[in-house]
Amino acid sequence: MYSHRELIRLAVHKTALRRRIASRRATCAAAAARVLAPVAWLERMLALGRKLAPFAPLAAVPLGFLLKRSPAAKPRLLGTLLRWGPVLFGAVRGLAGARPPRD
């Protein structure tokens, strides 16, 4: 059996150890929150993109006409975007909807 003094010393050591663990845990949690902030922002943007995805084809045509009228837009770039935009949009939607096979 341990003596009374030894038990008191161990209790003090245990308390100090628990405080140090709690401090390090709080530091790690703060660091993780700081590091993961861009990931949280990206998740919010992806969720917004998923909400707006059904309306994208409806907005593409008027947006294309607005860009075509814009004097700052380069005609070749705009023509290329209008020609290949729907194809790329469909390919991205198809790839996003693809799921890996289940085992």
PDB file of N, CA and C in Angstrom:
ATOM      1  N   MET A   1       0.838  -1.177   0.000  1.00  0.00           N
ATOM      2  CA  MET A   1       0.000   0.000   0.000  1.00  0.00           C
ATOM      3  C   MET A   1       0.884   1.242   0.000  1.00  0.00           C
ATOM      4  N   TYR A   2       0.338   2.286  -0.552  1.00  0.00           N
ATOM      5  CA  TYR A   2       1.051   3.553  -0.589  1.00  0.00           C
ATOM      6  C   TYR A   2       0.841   4.309   0.716  1.00  0.00           C
ATOM      7  N   SER A   3       1.835   5.092   1.071  1.00  0.00           N
ATOM      8  CA  SER A   3       1.688   5.925   2.265  1.00  0.00           C
ATOM      9  C   SER A   3       0.798   7.123   1.939  1.00  0.00           C
ATOM     10  N   HIS A   4       0.338   7.795   2.969  1.00  0.00           N
ATOM     11  CA  HIS A   4      -0.550   8.945   2.794  1.00  0.00           C
ATOM     12  C   HIS A   4       0.134  10.048   1.975  1.00  0.00           C
ATOM     13  N   ARG A   5       1.413  10.304   2.253  1.00  0.00           N
ATOM     14  CA  ARG A   5       2.147  11.330   1.506  1.00  0.00           C
ATOM     15  C   ARG A   5       2.273  10.962   0.033  1.00  0.00           C
ATOM     16  N   GLU A   6       2.543   9.693  -0.211  1.00  0.00           N
ATOM     17  CA  GLU A   6       2.689   9.236  -1.595  1.00  0.00           C
ATOM     18  C   GLU A   6       1.362   9.382  -2.350  1.00  0.00           C
ATOM     19  N   LEU A   7       0.259   9.061  -1.696  1.00  0.00           N
ATOM     20  CA  LEU A   7      -1.055   9.215  -2.332  1.00  0.00           C
ATOM     21  C   LEU A   7      -1.359  10.678  -2.628  1.00  0.00           C
ATOM     22  N   ILE A   8      -1.014  11.575  -1.735  1.00  0.00           N
ATOM     23  CA  ILE A   8      -1.238  13.010  -1.962  1.00  0.00           C
ATOM     24  C   ILE A   8      -0.379  13.486  -3.127  1.00  0.00           C
ATOM     25  N   ARG A   9       0.869  13.063  -3.170  1.00  0.00           N
ATOM     26  CA  ARG A   9       1.755  13.449  -4.275  1.00  0.00           C
ATOM     27  C   ARG A   9       1.224  12.937  -5.615  1.00  0.00           C
ATOM     28  N   LEU A  10       0.758  11.700  -5.636  1.00  0.00           N
ATOM     29  CA  LEU A  10       0.195  11.138  -6.862  1.00  0.00           C
ATOM     30  C   LEU A  10      -1.076  11.880  -7.292  1.00  0.00           C
ATOM     31  N   ALA A  11      -1.919  12.268  -6.316  1.00  0.00           N
ATOM     32  CA  ALA A  11      -3.139  13.009  -6.634  1.00  0.00           C
ATOM     33  C   ALA A  11      -2.809  14.371  -7.236  1.00  0.00           C
ATOM     34  N   VAL A  12      -1.800  15.052  -6.677  1.00  0.00           N
ATOM     35  CA  VAL A  12      -1.376  16.349  -7.215  1.00  0.00           C
ATOM     36  C   VAL A  12      -0.824  16.175  -8.626  1.00  0.00           C
ATOM     37  N   HIS A  13      -0.028  15.146  -8.812  1.00  0.00           N
ATOM     38  CA  HIS A  13       0.540  14.871 -10.134  1.00  0.00           C
ATOM     39  C   HIS A  13      -0.572  14.555 -11.144  1.00  0.00           C
ATOM     40  N   LYS A  14      -1.547  13.785 -10.722  1.00  0.00           N
ATOM     41  CA  LYS A  14      -2.671  13.426 -11.590  1.00  0.00           C
ATOM     42  C   LYS A  14      -3.462  14.671 -11.992  1.00  0.00           C
ATOM     43  N   THR A  15      -3.702  15.563 -11.060  1.00  0.00           N
ATOM     44  CA  THR A  15      -4.430  16.798 -11.347  1.00  0.00           C
ATOM     45  C   THR A  15      -3.659  17.663 -12.343  1.00  0.00           C
ATOM     46  N   ALA A  16      -2.352  17.786 -12.134  1.00  0.00           N
ATOM     47  CA  ALA A  16      -1.524  18.571 -13.058  1.00  0.00           C
ATOM     48  C   ALA A  16      -1.522  17.953 -14.449  1.00  0.00           C
ATOM     49  N   LEU A  17      -1.450  16.641 -14.494  1.00  0.00           N
ATOM     50  CA  LEU A  17      -1.458  15.940 -15.776  1.00  0.00           C
ATOM     51  C   LEU A  17      -2.786  16.146 -16.495  1.00  0.00           C
ATOM     52  N   ARG A  18      -3.891  16.081 -15.782  1.00  0.00           N
ATOM     53  CA  ARG A  18      -5.210  16.306 -16.393  1.00  0.00           C
ATOM     54  C   ARG A  18      -5.340  17.732 -16.932  1.00  0.00           C
ATOM     55  N   ARG A  19      -4.806  18.711 -16.194  1.00  0.00           N
ATOM     56  CA  ARG A  19      -4.844  20.104 -16.659  1.00  0.00           C
ATOM     57  C   ARG A  19      -4.028  20.273 -17.942  1.00  0.00           C
ATOM     58  N   ARG A  20      -2.848  19.646 -17.966  1.00  0.00           N
ATOM     59  CA  ARG A  20      -1.999  19.742 -19.150  1.00  0.00           C
ATOM     60  C   ARG A  20      -2.678  19.094 -20.356  1.00  0.00           C
ATOM     61  N   ILE A  21      -3.326  17.949 -20.141  1.00  0.00           N
ATOM     62  CA  ILE A  21      -4.042  17.273 -21.222  1.00  0.00           C
ATOM     63  C   ILE A  21      -5.183  18.152 -21.727  1.00  0.00           C
ATOM     64  N   ALA A  22      -5.947  18.758 -20.817  1.00  0.00           N
ATOM     65  CA  ALA A  22      -7.063  19.621 -21.216  1.00  0.00           C
ATOM     66  C   ALA A  22      -6.560  20.832 -22.000  1.00  0.00           C
ATOM     67  N   SER A  23      -5.448  21.400 -21.561  1.00  0.00           N
ATOM     68  CA  SER A  23      -4.876  22.550 -22.263  1.00  0.00           C
ATOM     69  C   SER A  23      -4.439  22.171 -23.672  1.00  0.00           C
ATOM     70  N   ARG A  24      -3.766  21.048 -23.801  1.00  0.00           N
ATOM     71  CA  ARG A  24      -3.316  20.603 -25.123  1.00  0.00           C
ATOM     72  C   ARG A  24      -4.502  20.232 -26.011  1.00  0.00           C
ATOM     73  N   ARG A  25      -5.528  19.662 -25.427  1.00  0.00           N
ATOM     74  CA  ARG A  25      -6.722  19.311 -26.202  1.00  0.00           C
ATOM     75  C   ARG A  25      -7.382  20.578 -26.748  1.00  0.00           C
ATOM     76  N   ALA A  26      -7.472  21.620 -25.924  1.00  0.00           N
ATOM     77  CA  ALA A  26      -8.060  22.889 -26.381  1.00  0.00           C
ATOM     78  C   ALA A  26      -7.202  23.522 -27.468  1.00  0.00           C
ATOM     79  N   THR A  27      -5.881  23.453 -27.318  1.00  0.00           N
ATOM     80  CA  THR A  27      -4.978  23.999 -28.336  1.00  0.00           C
ATOM     81  C   THR A  27      -5.137  23.252 -29.652  1.00  0.00           C
ATOM     82  N   CYS A  28      -5.227  21.937 -29.585  1.00  0.00           N
ATOM     83  CA  CYS A  28      -5.406  21.128 -30.796  1.00  0.00           C
ATOM     84  C   CYS A  28      -6.746  21.418 -31.463  1.00  0.00           C
ATOM     85  N   ALA A  29      -7.789  21.568 -30.670  1.00  0.00           N
ATOM     86  CA  ALA A  29      -9.107  21.873 -31.231  1.00  0.00           C
ATOM     87  C   ALA A  29      -9.102  23.227 -31.931  1.00  0.00           C
ATOM     88  N   ALA A  30      -8.452  24.219 -31.335  1.00  0.00           N
ATOM     89  CA  ALA A  30      -8.375  25.537 -31.964  1.00  0.00           C
ATOM     90  C   ALA A  30      -7.570  25.470 -33.256  1.00  0.00           C
ATOM     91  N   ALA A  31      -6.470  24.739 -33.250  1.00  0.00           N
ATOM     92  CA  ALA A  31      -5.652  24.604 -34.458  1.00  0.00           C
ATOM     93  C   ALA A  31      -6.422  23.867 -35.557  1.00  0.00           C
ATOM     94  N   ALA A  32      -7.145  22.833 -35.193  1.00  0.00           N
ATOM     95  CA  ALA A  32      -7.934  22.089 -36.184  1.00  0.00           C
ATOM     96  C   ALA A  32      -9.021  22.976 -36.779  1.00  0.00           C
ATOM     97  N   ALA A  33      -9.669  23.769 -35.952  1.00  0.00           N
ATOM     98  CA  ALA A  33     -10.705  24.673 -36.464  1.00  0.00           C
ATOM     99  C   ALA A  33     -10.100  25.687 -37.427  1.00  0.00           C
ATOM    100  N   ARG A  34      -8.919  26.183 -37.122  1.00  0.00           N
ATOM    101  CA  ARG A  34      -8.253  27.165 -37.984  1.00  0.00           C
ATOM    102  C   ARG A  34      -7.839  26.514 -39.306  1.00  0.00           C
ATOM    103  N   VAL A  35      -7.337  25.295 -39.243  1.00  0.00           N
ATOM    104  CA  VAL A  35      -6.885  24.611 -40.457  1.00  0.00           C
ATOM    105  C   VAL A  35      -8.073  24.194 -41.327  1.00  0.00           C
ATOM    106  N   LEU A  36      -9.161  23.787 -40.705  1.00  0.00           N
ATOM    107  CA  LEU A  36     -10.312  23.291 -41.458  1.00  0.00           C
ATOM    108  C   LEU A  36     -11.281  24.382 -41.902  1.00  0.00           C
ATOM    109  N   ALA A  37     -11.005  25.626 -41.585  1.00  0.00           N
ATOM    110  CA  ALA A  37     -11.896  26.719 -42.002  1.00  0.00           C
ATOM    111  C   ALA A  37     -12.065  26.773 -43.526  1.00  0.00           C
ATOM    112  N   PRO A  38     -10.995  26.637 -44.330  1.00  0.00           N
ATOM    113  CA  PRO A  38     -11.201  26.636 -45.787  1.00  0.00           C
ATOM    114  C   PRO A  38     -12.045  25.456 -46.260  1.00  0.00           C
ATOM    115  N   VAL A  39     -11.918  24.321 -45.605  1.00  0.00           N
ATOM    116  CA  VAL A  39     -12.720  23.156 -45.992  1.00  0.00           C
ATOM    117  C   VAL A  39     -14.194  23.415 -45.703  1.00  0.00           C
ATOM    118  N   ALA A  40     -14.485  24.030 -44.572  1.00  0.00           N
ATOM    119  CA  ALA A  40     -15.873  24.370 -44.248  1.00  0.00           C
ATOM    120  C   ALA A  40     -16.422  25.367 -45.256  1.00  0.00           C
ATOM    121  N   TRP A  41     -15.611  26.340 -45.655  1.00  0.00           N
ATOM    122  CA  TRP A  41     -16.046  27.315 -46.650  1.00  0.00           C
ATOM    123  C   TRP A  41     -16.321  26.615 -47.983  1.00  0.00           C
ATOM    124  N   LEU A  42     -15.441  25.688 -48.373  1.00  0.00           N
ATOM    125  CA  LEU A  42     -15.634  24.946 -49.620  1.00  0.00           C
ATOM    126  C   LEU A  42     -16.906  24.110 -49.573  1.00  0.00           C
ATOM    127  N   GLU A  43     -17.190  23.493 -48.450  1.00  0.00           N
ATOM    128  CA  GLU A  43     -18.429  22.717 -48.310  1.00  0.00           C
ATOM    129  C   GLU A  43     -19.662  23.595 -48.467  1.00  0.00           C
ATOM    130  N   ARG A  44     -19.612  24.799 -47.878  1.00  0.00           N
ATOM    131  CA  ARG A  44     -20.750  25.718 -48.027  1.00  0.00           C
ATOM    132  C   ARG A  44     -20.932  26.130 -49.487  1.00  0.00           C
ATOM    133  N   MET A  45     -19.826  26.376 -50.198  1.00  0.00           N
ATOM    134  CA  MET A  45     -19.918  26.767 -51.606  1.00  0.00           C
ATOM    135  C   MET A  45     -20.435  25.612 -52.464  1.00  0.00           C
ATOM    136  N   LEU A  46     -19.999  24.392 -52.166  1.00  0.00           N
ATOM    137  CA  LEU A  46     -20.502  23.233 -52.908  1.00  0.00           C
ATOM    138  C   LEU A  46     -21.992  23.022 -52.656  1.00  0.00           C
ATOM    139  N   ALA A  47     -22.434  23.222 -51.429  1.00  0.00           N
ATOM    140  CA  ALA A  47     -23.857  23.100 -51.125  1.00  0.00           C
ATOM    141  C   ALA A  47     -24.653  24.161 -51.874  1.00  0.00           C
ATOM    142  N   LEU A  48     -24.124  25.373 -51.929  1.00  0.00           N
ATOM    143  CA  LEU A  48     -24.792  26.433 -52.685  1.00  0.00           C
ATOM    144  C   LEU A  48     -24.831  26.086 -54.167  1.00  0.00           C
ATOM    145  N   GLY A  49     -23.734  25.531 -54.679  1.00  0.00           N
ATOM    146  CA  GLY A  49     -23.696  25.114 -56.084  1.00  0.00           C
ATOM    147  C   GLY A  49     -24.709  24.022 -56.386  1.00  0.00           C
ATOM    148  N   ARG A  50     -24.885  23.089 -55.448  1.00  0.00           N
ATOM    149  CA  ARG A  50     -25.887  22.035 -55.651  1.00  0.00           C
ATOM    150  C   ARG A  50     -27.303  22.610 -55.653  1.00  0.00           C
ATOM    151  N   LYS A  51     -27.517  23.629 -54.831  1.00  0.00           N
ATOM    152  CA  LYS A  51     -28.844  24.254 -54.814  1.00  0.00           C
ATOM    153  C   LYS A  51     -29.125  25.008 -56.107  1.00  0.00           C
ATOM    154  N   LEU A  52     -28.088  25.631 -56.669  1.00  0.00           N
ATOM    155  CA  LEU A  52     -28.267  26.435 -57.872  1.00  0.00           C
ATOM    156  C   LEU A  52     -28.128  25.636 -59.169  1.00  0.00           C
ATOM    157  N   ALA A  53     -27.648  24.404 -59.113  1.00  0.00           N
ATOM    158  CA  ALA A  53     -27.402  23.600 -60.316  1.00  0.00           C
ATOM    159  C   ALA A  53     -28.624  23.436 -61.209  1.00  0.00           C
ATOM    160  N   PRO A  54     -29.819  23.225 -60.676  1.00  0.00           N
ATOM    161  CA  PRO A  54     -30.966  23.085 -61.581  1.00  0.00           C
ATOM    162  C   PRO A  54     -31.272  24.351 -62.373  1.00  0.00           C
ATOM    163  N   PHE A  55     -30.849  25.495 -61.880  1.00  0.00           N
ATOM    164  CA  PHE A  55     -31.150  26.752 -62.563  1.00  0.00           C
ATOM    165  C   PHE A  55     -30.043  27.187 -63.518  1.00  0.00           C
ATOM    166  N   ALA A  56     -28.915  26.506 -63.510  1.00  0.00           N
ATOM    167  CA  ALA A  56     -27.774  26.894 -64.344  1.00  0.00           C
ATOM    168  C   ALA A  56     -28.096  26.859 -65.834  1.00  0.00           C
ATOM    169  N   PRO A  57     -28.740  25.814 -66.356  1.00  0.00           N
ATOM    170  CA  PRO A  57     -29.051  25.838 -67.787  1.00  0.00           C
ATOM    171  C   PRO A  57     -30.001  26.982 -68.163  1.00  0.00           C
ATOM    172  N   LEU A  58     -30.886  27.331 -67.256  1.00  0.00           N
ATOM    173  CA  LEU A  58     -31.807  28.427 -67.544  1.00  0.00           C
ATOM    174  C   LEU A  58     -31.085  29.772 -67.588  1.00  0.00           C
ATOM    175  N   ALA A  59     -30.053  29.908 -66.794  1.00  0.00           N
ATOM    176  CA  ALA A  59     -29.317  31.171 -66.731  1.00  0.00           C
ATOM    177  C   ALA A  59     -28.223  31.248 -67.790  1.00  0.00           C
ATOM    178  N   ALA A  60     -27.839  30.132 -68.375  1.00  0.00           N
ATOM    179  CA  ALA A  60     -26.722  30.128 -69.317  1.00  0.00           C
ATOM    180  C   ALA A  60     -27.048  30.898 -70.597  1.00  0.00           C
ATOM    181  N   VAL A  61     -28.237  30.740 -71.112  1.00  0.00           N
ATOM    182  CA  VAL A  61     -28.594  31.402 -72.376  1.00  0.00           C
ATOM    183  C   VAL A  61     -28.642  32.924 -72.215  1.00  0.00           C
ATOM    184  N   PRO A  62     -29.376  33.471 -71.240  1.00  0.00           N
ATOM    185  CA  PRO A  62     -29.353  34.929 -71.095  1.00  0.00           C
ATOM    186  C   PRO A  62     -27.960  35.474 -70.761  1.00  0.00           C
ATOM    187  N   LEU A  63     -27.208  34.733 -69.988  1.00  0.00           N
ATOM    188  CA  LEU A  63     -25.854  35.166 -69.667  1.00  0.00           C
ATOM    189  C   LEU A  63     -24.986  35.190 -70.920  1.00  0.00           C
ATOM    190  N   GLY A  64     -25.169  34.223 -71.767  1.00  0.00           N
ATOM    191  CA  GLY A  64     -24.431  34.199 -73.035  1.00  0.00           C
ATOM    192  C   GLY A  64     -24.771  35.389 -73.908  1.00  0.00           C
ATOM    193  N   PHE A  65     -26.044  35.745 -73.971  1.00  0.00           N
ATOM    194  CA  PHE A  65     -26.437  36.925 -74.752  1.00  0.00           C
ATOM    195  C   PHE A  65     -25.868  38.206 -74.149  1.00  0.00           C
ATOM    196  N   LEU A  66     -25.853  38.299 -72.824  1.00  0.00           N
ATOM    197  CA  LEU A  66     -25.266  39.478 -72.182  1.00  0.00           C
ATOM    198  C   LEU A  66     -23.776  39.580 -72.479  1.00  0.00           C
ATOM    199  N   LEU A  67     -23.082  38.451 -72.414  1.00  0.00           N
ATOM    200  CA  LEU A  67     -21.651  38.469 -72.704  1.00  0.00           C
ATOM    201  C   LEU A  67     -21.378  38.776 -74.168  1.00  0.00           C
ATOM    202  N   LYS A  68     -22.246  38.342 -75.059  1.00  0.00           N
ATOM    203  CA  LYS A  68     -22.054  38.585 -76.479  1.00  0.00           C
ATOM    204  C   LYS A  68     -22.185  40.071 -76.791  1.00  0.00           C
ATOM    205  N   ARG A  69     -23.054  40.768 -76.054  1.00  0.00           N
ATOM    206  CA  ARG A  69     -23.246  42.194 -76.264  1.00  0.00           C
ATOM    207  C   ARG A  69     -22.133  43.024 -75.639  1.00  0.00           C
ATOM    208  N   SER A  70     -21.454  42.471 -74.667  1.00  0.00           N
ATOM    209  CA  SER A  70     -20.423  43.214 -73.939  1.00  0.00           C
ATOM    210  C   SER A  70     -19.259  43.559 -74.875  1.00  0.00           C
ATOM    211  N   PRO A  71     -18.867  44.847 -74.950  1.00  0.00           N
ATOM    212  CA  PRO A  71     -17.751  45.217 -75.832  1.00  0.00           C
ATOM    213  C   PRO A  71     -16.403  44.714 -75.311  1.00  0.00           C
ATOM    214  N   ALA A  72     -16.325  44.436 -74.010  1.00  0.00           N
ATOM    215  CA  ALA A  72     -15.063  43.976 -73.435  1.00  0.00           C
ATOM    216  C   ALA A  72     -14.799  42.504 -73.734  1.00  0.00           C
ATOM    217  N   ALA A  73     -15.855  41.754 -74.046  1.00  0.00           N
ATOM    218  CA  ALA A  73     -15.686  40.316 -74.289  1.00  0.00           C
ATOM    219  C   ALA A  73     -15.025  40.077 -75.638  1.00  0.00           C
ATOM    220  N   LYS A  74     -14.089  39.173 -75.656  1.00  0.00           N
ATOM    221  CA  LYS A  74     -13.431  38.833 -76.912  1.00  0.00           C
ATOM    222  C   LYS A  74     -14.359  37.897 -77.689  1.00  0.00           C
ATOM    223  N   PRO A  75     -14.598  38.173 -78.946  1.00  0.00           N
ATOM    224  CA  PRO A  75     -15.554  37.353 -79.709  1.00  0.00           C
ATOM    225  C   PRO A  75     -15.136  35.888 -79.806  1.00  0.00           C
ATOM    226  N   ARG A  76     -13.852  35.608 -79.992  1.00  0.00           N
ATOM    227  CA  ARG A  76     -13.433  34.214 -80.150  1.00  0.00           C
ATOM    228  C   ARG A  76     -13.646  33.437 -78.856  1.00  0.00           C
ATOM    229  N   LEU A  77     -13.293  34.047 -77.720  1.00  0.00           N
ATOM    230  CA  LEU A  77     -13.459  33.384 -76.434  1.00  0.00           C
ATOM    231  C   LEU A  77     -14.933  33.134 -76.154  1.00  0.00           C
ATOM    232  N   LEU A  78     -15.750  34.122 -76.425  1.00  0.00           N
ATOM    233  CA  LEU A  78     -17.185  33.986 -76.172  1.00  0.00           C
ATOM    234  C   LEU A  78     -17.793  32.897 -77.044  1.00  0.00           C
ATOM    235  N   GLY A  79     -17.397  32.882 -78.302  1.00  0.00           N
ATOM    236  CA  GLY A  79     -17.919  31.850 -79.205  1.00  0.00           C
ATOM    237  C   GLY A  79     -17.511  30.457 -78.750  1.00  0.00           C
ATOM    238  N   THR A  80     -16.282  30.337 -78.304  1.00  0.00           N
ATOM    239  CA  THR A  80     -15.804  29.045 -77.815  1.00  0.00           C
ATOM    240  C   THR A  80     -16.579  28.626 -76.568  1.00  0.00           C
ATOM    241  N   LEU A  81     -16.792  29.584 -75.656  1.00  0.00           N
ATOM    242  CA  LEU A  81     -17.547  29.260 -74.445  1.00  0.00           C
ATOM    243  C   LEU A  81     -18.978  28.868 -74.771  1.00  0.00           C
ATOM    244  N   LEU A  82     -19.606  29.598 -75.679  1.00  0.00           N
ATOM    245  CA  LEU A  82     -20.989  29.272 -76.029  1.00  0.00           C
ATOM    246  C   LEU A  82     -21.086  27.938 -76.756  1.00  0.00           C
ATOM    247  N   ARG A  83     -20.055  27.589 -77.515  1.00  0.00           N
ATOM    248  CA  ARG A  83     -20.092  26.330 -78.249  1.00  0.00           C
ATOM    249  C   ARG A  83     -19.830  25.145 -77.325  1.00  0.00           C
ATOM    250  N   TRP A  84     -18.820  25.245 -76.476  1.00  0.00           N
ATOM    251  CA  TRP A  84     -18.401  24.112 -75.665  1.00  0.00           C
ATOM    252  C   TRP A  84     -18.963  24.135 -74.248  1.00  0.00           C
ATOM    253  N   GLY A  85     -19.565  25.222 -73.843  1.00  0.00           N
ATOM    254  CA  GLY A  85     -20.107  25.335 -72.494  1.00  0.00           C
ATOM    255  C   GLY A  85     -21.112  24.246 -72.138  1.00  0.00           C
ATOM    256  N   PRO A  86     -22.142  24.046 -72.973  1.00  0.00           N
ATOM    257  CA  PRO A  86     -23.116  22.988 -72.639  1.00  0.00           C
ATOM    258  C   PRO A  86     -22.495  21.595 -72.579  1.00  0.00           C
ATOM    259  N   VAL A  87     -21.537  21.330 -73.462  1.00  0.00           N
ATOM    260  CA  VAL A  87     -20.888  20.021 -73.453  1.00  0.00           C
ATOM    261  C   VAL A  87     -20.111  19.829 -72.150  1.00  0.00           C
ATOM    262  N   LEU A  88     -19.344  20.855 -71.772  1.00  0.00           N
ATOM    263  CA  LEU A  88     -18.575  20.757 -70.529  1.00  0.00           C
ATOM    264  C   LEU A  88     -19.491  20.668 -69.308  1.00  0.00           C
ATOM    265  N   PHE A  89     -20.565  21.438 -69.344  1.00  0.00           N
ATOM    266  CA  PHE A  89     -21.516  21.407 -68.227  1.00  0.00           C
ATOM    267  C   PHE A  89     -22.119  20.012 -68.074  1.00  0.00           C
ATOM    268  N   GLY A  90     -22.504  19.399 -69.183  1.00  0.00           N
ATOM    269  CA  GLY A  90     -23.054  18.044 -69.138  1.00  0.00           C
ATOM    270  C   GLY A  90     -22.026  17.027 -68.665  1.00  0.00           C
ATOM    271  N   ALA A  91     -20.776  17.199 -69.103  1.00  0.00           N
ATOM    272  CA  ALA A  91     -19.733  16.265 -68.680  1.00  0.00           C
ATOM    273  C   ALA A  91     -19.469  16.389 -67.182  1.00  0.00           C
ATOM    274  N   VAL A  92     -19.439  17.611 -66.688  1.00  0.00           N
ATOM    275  CA  VAL A  92     -19.216  17.798 -65.253  1.00  0.00           C
ATOM    276  C   VAL A  92     -20.372  17.225 -64.454  1.00  0.00           C
ATOM    277  N   ARG A  93     -21.594  17.443 -64.909  1.00  0.00           N
ATOM    278  CA  ARG A  93     -22.753  16.868 -64.211  1.00  0.00           C
ATOM    279  C   ARG A  93     -22.703  15.349 -64.230  1.00  0.00           C
ATOM    280  N   GLY A  94     -22.297  14.770 -65.357  1.00  0.00           N
ATOM    281  CA  GLY A  94     -22.203  13.317 -65.450  1.00  0.00           C
ATOM    282  C   GLY A  94     -21.137  12.749 -64.529  1.00  0.00           C
ATOM    283  N   LEU A  95     -19.988  13.420 -64.482  1.00  0.00           N
ATOM    284  CA  LEU A  95     -18.920  12.947 -63.609  1.00  0.00           C
ATOM    285  C   LEU A  95     -19.281  13.129 -62.136  1.00  0.00           C
ATOM    286  N   ALA A  96     -19.982  14.215 -61.830  1.00  0.00           N
ATOM    287  CA  ALA A  96     -20.378  14.440 -60.441  1.00  0.00           C
ATOM    288  C   ALA A  96     -21.433  13.424 -60.008  1.00  0.00           C
ATOM    289  N   GLY A  97     -22.264  12.992 -60.939  1.00  0.00           N
ATOM    290  CA  GLY A  97     -23.305  12.028 -60.601  1.00  0.00           C
ATOM    291  C   GLY A  97     -22.831  10.594 -60.582  1.00  0.00           C
ATOM    292  N   ALA A  98     -21.646  10.348 -61.154  1.00  0.00           N
ATOM    293  CA  ALA A  98     -21.119   8.988 -61.188  1.00  0.00           C
ATOM    294  C   ALA A  98     -20.709   8.550 -59.794  1.00  0.00           C
ATOM    295  N   ARG A  99     -21.012   7.334 -59.492  1.00  0.00           N
ATOM    296  CA  ARG A  99     -20.653   6.796 -58.179  1.00  0.00           C
ATOM    297  C   ARG A  99     -19.790   5.567 -58.386  1.00  0.00           C
ATOM    298  N   PRO A 100     -18.836   5.363 -57.492  1.00  0.00           N
ATOM    299  CA  PRO A 100     -17.989   4.159 -57.611  1.00  0.00           C
ATOM    300  C   PRO A 100     -18.819   2.907 -57.358  1.00  0.00           C
ATOM    301  N   PRO A 101     -18.469   1.799 -58.010  1.00  0.00           N
ATOM    302  CA  PRO A 101     -19.214   0.556 -57.798  1.00  0.00           C
ATOM    303  C   PRO A 101     -19.054   0.055 -56.363  1.00  0.00           C
ATOM    304  N   ARG A 102     -20.121  -0.529 -55.843  1.00  0.00           N
ATOM    305  CA  ARG A 102     -20.068  -1.074 -54.488  1.00  0.00           C
ATOM    306  C   ARG A 102     -19.566  -2.497 -54.508  1.00  0.00           C
ATOM    307  N   ASP A 103     -18.871  -2.881 -53.459  1.00  0.00           N
ATOM    308  CA  ASP A 103     -18.347  -4.257 -53.367  1.00  0.00           C
ATOM    309  C   ASP A 103     -19.433  -5.233 -53.032  1.00  0.00           C
TER     310      ASP A 103
END
